[in-house]
Structures are given as structure tokens and as C-alpha cells.
Amino acid sequence: MLKAMQTVNEWLGQLTEVAKTLVVIGIIVGILFDDFFGVIAGLGRIMSQFGDAGFAGILALMILVMWYEKK
């Protein structure tokens, strides 16, 4: 059971790395070719939702960043 959980954890880690790479590529393509895929607009919407929530949104964003950095 422990081996299966480690395998799933490795797969999730690899998927996360692929997703991060795709977001970075999407941002670069968006900058170069006028946001063809809408990645920059989507990130802008997410950040505005954090901003609209005021202090709670900033706190939630800080918690997410700290949680991500622990990995």
C-alpha cells in the first residue's frame, strides 16, 4: 500500500511539473502572440479574485505560496 501511495505521489509531482511548464509556455506564447490561448487573461482573473477578497484573499494566496514552497 505504501509503494502504491509513493507511485501516485510521484505521478502527481510529474503532472504538476508538466502543468507548470505548460503555464509558462502559455504565458510566453501569450506575450509573443497576443494571448492566443487566453492564459494571461485567465491568470489575471484569478489574481483579481484574490484581490477582490481583500485581506482574506491575500492571506489565502500567502498560504498557497508557503504550502507550495514546502514541497
PDB file of N, CA and C in Angstrom:
ATOM      1  N   MET A   1       0.823  -1.197   0.000  1.00  0.00           N
ATOM      2  CA  MET A   1       0.000   0.000   0.000  1.00  0.00           C
ATOM      3  C   MET A   1       0.869   1.263   0.000  1.00  0.00           C
ATOM      4  N   LEU A   2       1.937   1.234   0.776  1.00  0.00           N
ATOM      5  CA  LEU A   2       2.842   2.382   0.840  1.00  0.00           C
ATOM      6  C   LEU A   2       3.511   2.624  -0.512  1.00  0.00           C
ATOM      7  N   LYS A   3       3.875   1.535  -1.183  1.00  0.00           N
ATOM      8  CA  LYS A   3       4.502   1.642  -2.503  1.00  0.00           C
ATOM      9  C   LYS A   3       3.533   2.272  -3.510  1.00  0.00           C
ATOM     10  N   ALA A   4       2.261   1.902  -3.426  1.00  0.00           N
ATOM     11  CA  ALA A   4       1.252   2.458  -4.328  1.00  0.00           C
ATOM     12  C   ALA A   4       1.072   3.952  -4.074  1.00  0.00           C
ATOM     13  N   MET A   5       1.060   4.357  -2.827  1.00  0.00           N
ATOM     14  CA  MET A   5       0.919   5.771  -2.492  1.00  0.00           C
ATOM     15  C   MET A   5       2.132   6.570  -2.975  1.00  0.00           C
ATOM     16  N   GLN A   6       3.314   5.984  -2.875  1.00  0.00           N
ATOM     17  CA  GLN A   6       4.514   6.660  -3.356  1.00  0.00           C
ATOM     18  C   GLN A   6       4.474   6.826  -4.870  1.00  0.00           C
ATOM     19  N   THR A   7       3.980   5.806  -5.551  1.00  0.00           N
ATOM     20  CA  THR A   7       3.865   5.869  -7.003  1.00  0.00           C
ATOM     21  C   THR A   7       2.883   6.955  -7.418  1.00  0.00           C
ATOM     22  N   VAL A   8       1.730   7.007  -6.764  1.00  0.00           N
ATOM     23  CA  VAL A   8       0.728   8.036  -7.066  1.00  0.00           C
ATOM     24  C   VAL A   8       1.306   9.420  -6.777  1.00  0.00           C
ATOM     25  N   ASN A   9       2.026   9.551  -5.675  1.00  0.00           N
ATOM     26  CA  ASN A   9       2.633  10.826  -5.318  1.00  0.00           C
ATOM     27  C   ASN A   9       3.653  11.258  -6.366  1.00  0.00           C
ATOM     28  N   GLU A  10       4.430  10.329  -6.879  1.00  0.00           N
ATOM     29  CA  GLU A  10       5.397  10.639  -7.939  1.00  0.00           C
ATOM     30  C   GLU A  10       4.688  11.089  -9.210  1.00  0.00           C
ATOM     31  N   TRP A  11       3.604  10.407  -9.573  1.00  0.00           N
ATOM     32  CA  TRP A  11       2.845  10.781 -10.763  1.00  0.00           C
ATOM     33  C   TRP A  11       2.264  12.185 -10.609  1.00  0.00           C
ATOM     34  N   LEU A  12       1.717  12.477  -9.447  1.00  0.00           N
ATOM     35  CA  LEU A  12       1.155  13.805  -9.222  1.00  0.00           C
ATOM     36  C   LEU A  12       2.245  14.879  -9.287  1.00  0.00           C
ATOM     37  N   GLY A  13       3.410  14.573  -8.772  1.00  0.00           N
ATOM     38  CA  GLY A  13       4.520  15.505  -8.860  1.00  0.00           C
ATOM     39  C   GLY A  13       4.928  15.772 -10.302  1.00  0.00           C
ATOM     40  N   GLN A  14       4.968  14.716 -11.100  1.00  0.00           N
ATOM     41  CA  GLN A  14       5.326  14.868 -12.505  1.00  0.00           C
ATOM     42  C   GLN A  14       4.252  15.643 -13.264  1.00  0.00           C
ATOM     43  N   LEU A  15       2.976  15.372 -12.960  1.00  0.00           N
ATOM     44  CA  LEU A  15       1.888  16.114 -13.603  1.00  0.00           C
ATOM     45  C   LEU A  15       1.937  17.592 -13.235  1.00  0.00           C
ATOM     46  N   THR A  16       2.281  17.880 -11.989  1.00  0.00           N
ATOM     47  CA  THR A  16       2.398  19.269 -11.555  1.00  0.00           C
ATOM     48  C   THR A  16       3.513  19.971 -12.307  1.00  0.00           C
ATOM     49  N   GLU A  17       4.626  19.289 -12.490  1.00  0.00           N
ATOM     50  CA  GLU A  17       5.736  19.875 -13.237  1.00  0.00           C
ATOM     51  C   GLU A  17       5.345  20.144 -14.688  1.00  0.00           C
ATOM     52  N   VAL A  18       4.615  19.222 -15.293  1.00  0.00           N
ATOM     53  CA  VAL A  18       4.161  19.413 -16.674  1.00  0.00           C
ATOM     54  C   VAL A  18       3.197  20.599 -16.745  1.00  0.00           C
ATOM     55  N   ALA A  19       2.283  20.699 -15.778  1.00  0.00           N
ATOM     56  CA  ALA A  19       1.325  21.803 -15.759  1.00  0.00           C
ATOM     57  C   ALA A  19       2.044  23.144 -15.604  1.00  0.00           C
ATOM     58  N   LYS A  20       3.050  23.208 -14.734  1.00  0.00           N
ATOM     59  CA  LYS A  20       3.817  24.448 -14.568  1.00  0.00           C
ATOM     60  C   LYS A  20       4.514  24.824 -15.867  1.00  0.00           C
ATOM     61  N   THR A  21       5.081  23.836 -16.532  1.00  0.00           N
ATOM     62  CA  THR A  21       5.767  24.093 -17.800  1.00  0.00           C
ATOM     63  C   THR A  21       4.791  24.610 -18.845  1.00  0.00           C
ATOM     64  N   LEU A  22       3.601  24.013 -18.911  1.00  0.00           N
ATOM     65  CA  LEU A  22       2.605  24.457 -19.882  1.00  0.00           C
ATOM     66  C   LEU A  22       2.117  25.871 -19.592  1.00  0.00           C
ATOM     67  N   VAL A  23       1.983  26.226 -18.323  1.00  0.00           N
ATOM     68  CA  VAL A  23       1.570  27.589 -17.975  1.00  0.00           C
ATOM     69  C   VAL A  23       2.640  28.591 -18.396  1.00  0.00           C
ATOM     70  N   VAL A  24       3.896  28.265 -18.129  1.00  0.00           N
ATOM     71  CA  VAL A  24       4.986  29.167 -18.527  1.00  0.00           C
ATOM     72  C   VAL A  24       5.030  29.308 -20.044  1.00  0.00           C
ATOM     73  N   ILE A  25       4.899  28.208 -20.754  1.00  0.00           N
ATOM     74  CA  ILE A  25       4.878  28.273 -22.222  1.00  0.00           C
ATOM     75  C   ILE A  25       3.677  29.087 -22.693  1.00  0.00           C
ATOM     76  N   GLY A  26       2.524  28.895 -22.042  1.00  0.00           N
ATOM     77  CA  GLY A  26       1.326  29.671 -22.400  1.00  0.00           C
ATOM     78  C   GLY A  26       1.522  31.158 -22.183  1.00  0.00           C
ATOM     79  N   ILE A  27       2.210  31.529 -21.106  1.00  0.00           N
ATOM     80  CA  ILE A  27       2.477  32.946 -20.849  1.00  0.00           C
ATOM     81  C   ILE A  27       3.410  33.511 -21.907  1.00  0.00           C
ATOM     82  N   ILE A  28       4.458  32.762 -22.231  1.00  0.00           N
ATOM     83  CA  ILE A  28       5.407  33.238 -23.251  1.00  0.00           C
ATOM     84  C   ILE A  28       4.713  33.382 -24.602  1.00  0.00           C
ATOM     85  N   VAL A  29       3.910  32.392 -24.980  1.00  0.00           N
ATOM     86  CA  VAL A  29       3.176  32.473 -26.248  1.00  0.00           C
ATOM     87  C   VAL A  29       2.180  33.626 -26.202  1.00  0.00           C
ATOM     88  N   GLY A  30       1.540  33.835 -25.039  1.00  0.00           N
ATOM     89  CA  GLY A  30       0.603  34.948 -24.903  1.00  0.00           C
ATOM     90  C   GLY A  30       1.267  36.291 -25.065  1.00  0.00           C
ATOM     91  N   ILE A  31       2.476  36.417 -24.544  1.00  0.00           N
ATOM     92  CA  ILE A  31       3.206  37.677 -24.690  1.00  0.00           C
ATOM     93  C   ILE A  31       3.616  37.894 -26.146  1.00  0.00           C
ATOM     94  N   LEU A  32       4.089  36.843 -26.777  1.00  0.00           N
ATOM     95  CA  LEU A  32       4.583  36.977 -28.147  1.00  0.00           C
ATOM     96  C   LEU A  32       3.468  37.086 -29.184  1.00  0.00           C
ATOM     97  N   PHE A  33       2.359  36.378 -28.966  1.00  0.00           N
ATOM     98  CA  PHE A  33       1.315  36.288 -29.991  1.00  0.00           C
ATOM     99  C   PHE A  33      -0.044  36.749 -29.497  1.00  0.00           C
ATOM    100  N   ASP A  34      -0.081  37.776 -28.672  1.00  0.00           N
ATOM    101  CA  ASP A  34      -1.338  38.419 -28.263  1.00  0.00           C
ATOM    102  C   ASP A  34      -2.292  37.476 -27.518  1.00  0.00           C
ATOM    103  N   ASP A  35      -1.792  36.694 -26.589  1.00  0.00           N
ATOM    104  CA  ASP A  35      -2.591  35.835 -25.693  1.00  0.00           C
ATOM    105  C   ASP A  35      -3.558  34.937 -26.467  1.00  0.00           C
ATOM    106  N   PHE A  36      -3.021  34.178 -27.394  1.00  0.00           N
ATOM    107  CA  PHE A  36      -3.815  33.314 -28.269  1.00  0.00           C
ATOM    108  C   PHE A  36      -4.641  32.297 -27.477  1.00  0.00           C
ATOM    109  N   PHE A  37      -4.072  31.712 -26.410  1.00  0.00           N
ATOM    110  CA  PHE A  37      -4.772  30.683 -25.642  1.00  0.00           C
ATOM    111  C   PHE A  37      -5.531  31.232 -24.444  1.00  0.00           C
ATOM    112  N   GLY A  38      -5.376  32.501 -24.130  1.00  0.00           N
ATOM    113  CA  GLY A  38      -6.089  33.108 -23.011  1.00  0.00           C
ATOM    114  C   GLY A  38      -5.472  32.817 -21.653  1.00  0.00           C
ATOM    115  N   VAL A  39      -4.219  32.416 -21.617  1.00  0.00           N
ATOM    116  CA  VAL A  39      -3.563  32.072 -20.358  1.00  0.00           C
ATOM    117  C   VAL A  39      -3.378  33.316 -19.497  1.00  0.00           C
ATOM    118  N   ILE A  40      -2.918  34.399 -20.101  1.00  0.00           N
ATOM    119  CA  ILE A  40      -2.674  35.618 -19.340  1.00  0.00           C
ATOM    120  C   ILE A  40      -3.991  36.176 -18.808  1.00  0.00           C
ATOM    121  N   ALA A  41      -5.036  36.132 -19.606  1.00  0.00           N
ATOM    122  CA  ALA A  41      -6.344  36.611 -19.152  1.00  0.00           C
ATOM    123  C   ALA A  41      -6.863  35.751 -18.002  1.00  0.00           C
ATOM    124  N   GLY A  42      -6.647  34.448 -18.085  1.00  0.00           N
ATOM    125  CA  GLY A  42      -7.080  33.558 -17.002  1.00  0.00           C
ATOM    126  C   GLY A  42      -6.331  33.822 -15.715  1.00  0.00           C
ATOM    127  N   LEU A  43      -5.016  34.031 -15.806  1.00  0.00           N
ATOM    128  CA  LEU A  43      -4.244  34.363 -14.613  1.00  0.00           C
ATOM    129  C   LEU A  43      -4.676  35.704 -14.042  1.00  0.00           C
ATOM    130  N   GLY A  44      -4.997  36.645 -14.917  1.00  0.00           N
ATOM    131  CA  GLY A  44      -5.488  37.949 -14.460  1.00  0.00           C
ATOM    132  C   GLY A  44      -6.799  37.823 -13.706  1.00  0.00           C
ATOM    133  N   ARG A  45      -7.697  36.964 -14.194  1.00  0.00           N
ATOM    134  CA  ARG A  45      -8.976  36.743 -13.496  1.00  0.00           C
ATOM    135  C   ARG A  45      -8.753  36.117 -12.126  1.00  0.00           C
ATOM    136  N   ILE A  46      -7.850  35.153 -12.054  1.00  0.00           N
ATOM    137  CA  ILE A  46      -7.562  34.503 -10.770  1.00  0.00           C
ATOM    138  C   ILE A  46      -6.999  35.512  -9.777  1.00  0.00           C
ATOM    139  N   MET A  47      -6.041  36.325 -10.232  1.00  0.00           N
ATOM    140  CA  MET A  47      -5.432  37.309  -9.342  1.00  0.00           C
ATOM    141  C   MET A  47      -6.439  38.375  -8.923  1.00  0.00           C
ATOM    142  N   SER A  48      -7.353  38.753  -9.806  1.00  0.00           N
ATOM    143  CA  SER A  48      -8.358  39.744  -9.427  1.00  0.00           C
ATOM    144  C   SER A  48      -9.328  39.170  -8.400  1.00  0.00           C
ATOM    145  N   GLN A  49      -9.607  37.869  -8.466  1.00  0.00           N
ATOM    146  CA  GLN A  49     -10.460  37.250  -7.453  1.00  0.00           C
ATOM    147  C   GLN A  49      -9.791  37.283  -6.089  1.00  0.00           C
ATOM    148  N   PHE A  50      -8.485  37.049  -6.037  1.00  0.00           N
ATOM    149  CA  PHE A  50      -7.765  37.161  -4.774  1.00  0.00           C
ATOM    150  C   PHE A  50      -7.806  38.605  -4.283  1.00  0.00           C
ATOM    151  N   GLY A  51      -7.637  39.551  -5.197  1.00  0.00           N
ATOM    152  CA  GLY A  51      -7.654  40.966  -4.821  1.00  0.00           C
ATOM    153  C   GLY A  51      -9.019  41.431  -4.364  1.00  0.00           C
ATOM    154  N   ASP A  52     -10.089  40.934  -4.985  1.00  0.00           N
ATOM    155  CA  ASP A  52     -11.443  41.317  -4.601  1.00  0.00           C
ATOM    156  C   ASP A  52     -11.803  40.803  -3.216  1.00  0.00           C
ATOM    157  N   ALA A  53     -11.153  39.738  -2.782  1.00  0.00           N
ATOM    158  CA  ALA A  53     -11.452  39.170  -1.471  1.00  0.00           C
ATOM    159  C   ALA A  53     -10.781  39.957  -0.339  1.00  0.00           C
ATOM    160  N   GLY A  54      -9.960  40.962  -0.691  1.00  0.00           N
ATOM    161  CA  GLY A  54      -9.321  41.800   0.320  1.00  0.00           C
ATOM    162  C   GLY A  54      -8.245  41.048   1.079  1.00  0.00           C
ATOM    163  N   PHE A  55      -8.211  41.271   2.386  1.00  0.00           N
ATOM    164  CA  PHE A  55      -7.185  40.669   3.224  1.00  0.00           C
ATOM    165  C   PHE A  55      -7.273  39.145   3.212  1.00  0.00           C
ATOM    166  N   ALA A  56      -8.479  38.607   3.190  1.00  0.00           N
ATOM    167  CA  ALA A  56      -8.643  37.147   3.176  1.00  0.00           C
ATOM    168  C   ALA A  56      -8.045  36.553   1.901  1.00  0.00           C
ATOM    169  N   GLY A  57      -8.188  37.243   0.782  1.00  0.00           N
ATOM    170  CA  GLY A  57      -7.605  36.760  -0.468  1.00  0.00           C
ATOM    171  C   GLY A  57      -6.091  36.783  -0.442  1.00  0.00           C
ATOM    172  N   ILE A  58      -5.532  37.859   0.108  1.00  0.00           N
ATOM    173  CA  ILE A  58      -4.073  37.949   0.208  1.00  0.00           C
ATOM    174  C   ILE A  58      -3.552  36.877   1.159  1.00  0.00           C
ATOM    175  N   LEU A  59      -4.260  36.669   2.260  1.00  0.00           N
ATOM    176  CA  LEU A  59      -3.864  35.636   3.218  1.00  0.00           C
ATOM    177  C   LEU A  59      -3.924  34.252   2.573  1.00  0.00           C
ATOM    178  N   ALA A  60      -4.981  33.984   1.811  1.00  0.00           N
ATOM    179  CA  ALA A  60      -5.101  32.694   1.125  1.00  0.00           C
ATOM    180  C   ALA A  60      -3.981  32.508   0.117  1.00  0.00           C
ATOM    181  N   LEU A  61      -3.634  33.569  -0.607  1.00  0.00           N
ATOM    182  CA  LEU A  61      -2.540  33.490  -1.570  1.00  0.00           C
ATOM    183  C   LEU A  61      -1.217  33.227  -0.872  1.00  0.00           C
ATOM    184  N   MET A  62      -0.989  33.879   0.270  1.00  0.00           N
ATOM    185  CA  MET A  62       0.242  33.653   1.029  1.00  0.00           C
ATOM    186  C   MET A  62       0.319  32.214   1.528  1.00  0.00           C
ATOM    187  N   ILE A  63      -0.794  31.669   1.975  1.00  0.00           N
ATOM    188  CA  ILE A  63      -0.822  30.281   2.457  1.00  0.00           C
ATOM    189  C   ILE A  63      -0.509  29.325   1.310  1.00  0.00           C
ATOM    190  N   LEU A  64      -1.085  29.579   0.140  1.00  0.00           N
ATOM    191  CA  LEU A  64      -0.805  28.723  -1.015  1.00  0.00           C
ATOM    192  C   LEU A  64       0.665  28.771  -1.397  1.00  0.00           C
ATOM    193  N   VAL A  65       1.256  29.951  -1.375  1.00  0.00           N
ATOM    194  CA  VAL A  65       2.664  30.080  -1.741  1.00  0.00           C
ATOM    195  C   VAL A  65       3.541  29.367  -0.718  1.00  0.00           C
ATOM    196  N   MET A  66       3.254  29.541   0.567  1.00  0.00           N
ATOM    197  CA  MET A  66       4.041  28.881   1.602  1.00  0.00           C
ATOM    198  C   MET A  66       3.881  27.362   1.516  1.00  0.00           C
ATOM    199  N   TRP A  67       2.668  26.879   1.232  1.00  0.00           N
ATOM    200  CA  TRP A  67       2.425  25.447   1.115  1.00  0.00           C
ATOM    201  C   TRP A  67       3.190  24.877  -0.071  1.00  0.00           C
ATOM    202  N   TYR A  68       3.213  25.618  -1.165  1.00  0.00           N
ATOM    203  CA  TYR A  68       3.898  25.158  -2.367  1.00  0.00           C
ATOM    204  C   TYR A  68       5.408  25.127  -2.150  1.00  0.00           C
ATOM    205  N   GLU A  69       5.944  26.103  -1.435  1.00  0.00           N
ATOM    206  CA  GLU A  69       7.389  26.170  -1.210  1.00  0.00           C
ATOM    207  C   GLU A  69       7.885  25.052  -0.296  1.00  0.00           C
ATOM    208  N   LYS A  70       7.027  24.475   0.530  1.00  0.00           N
ATOM    209  CA  LYS A  70       7.426  23.392   1.418  1.00  0.00           C
ATOM    210  C   LYS A  70       7.764  22.123   0.644  1.00  0.00           C
ATOM    211  N   LYS A  71       7.164  21.946  -0.512  1.00  0.00           N
ATOM    212  CA  LYS A  71       7.423  20.758  -1.318  1.00  0.00           C
ATOM    213  C   LYS A  71       8.808  20.861  -1.815  1.00  0.00           C
TER     214      LYS A  71
END
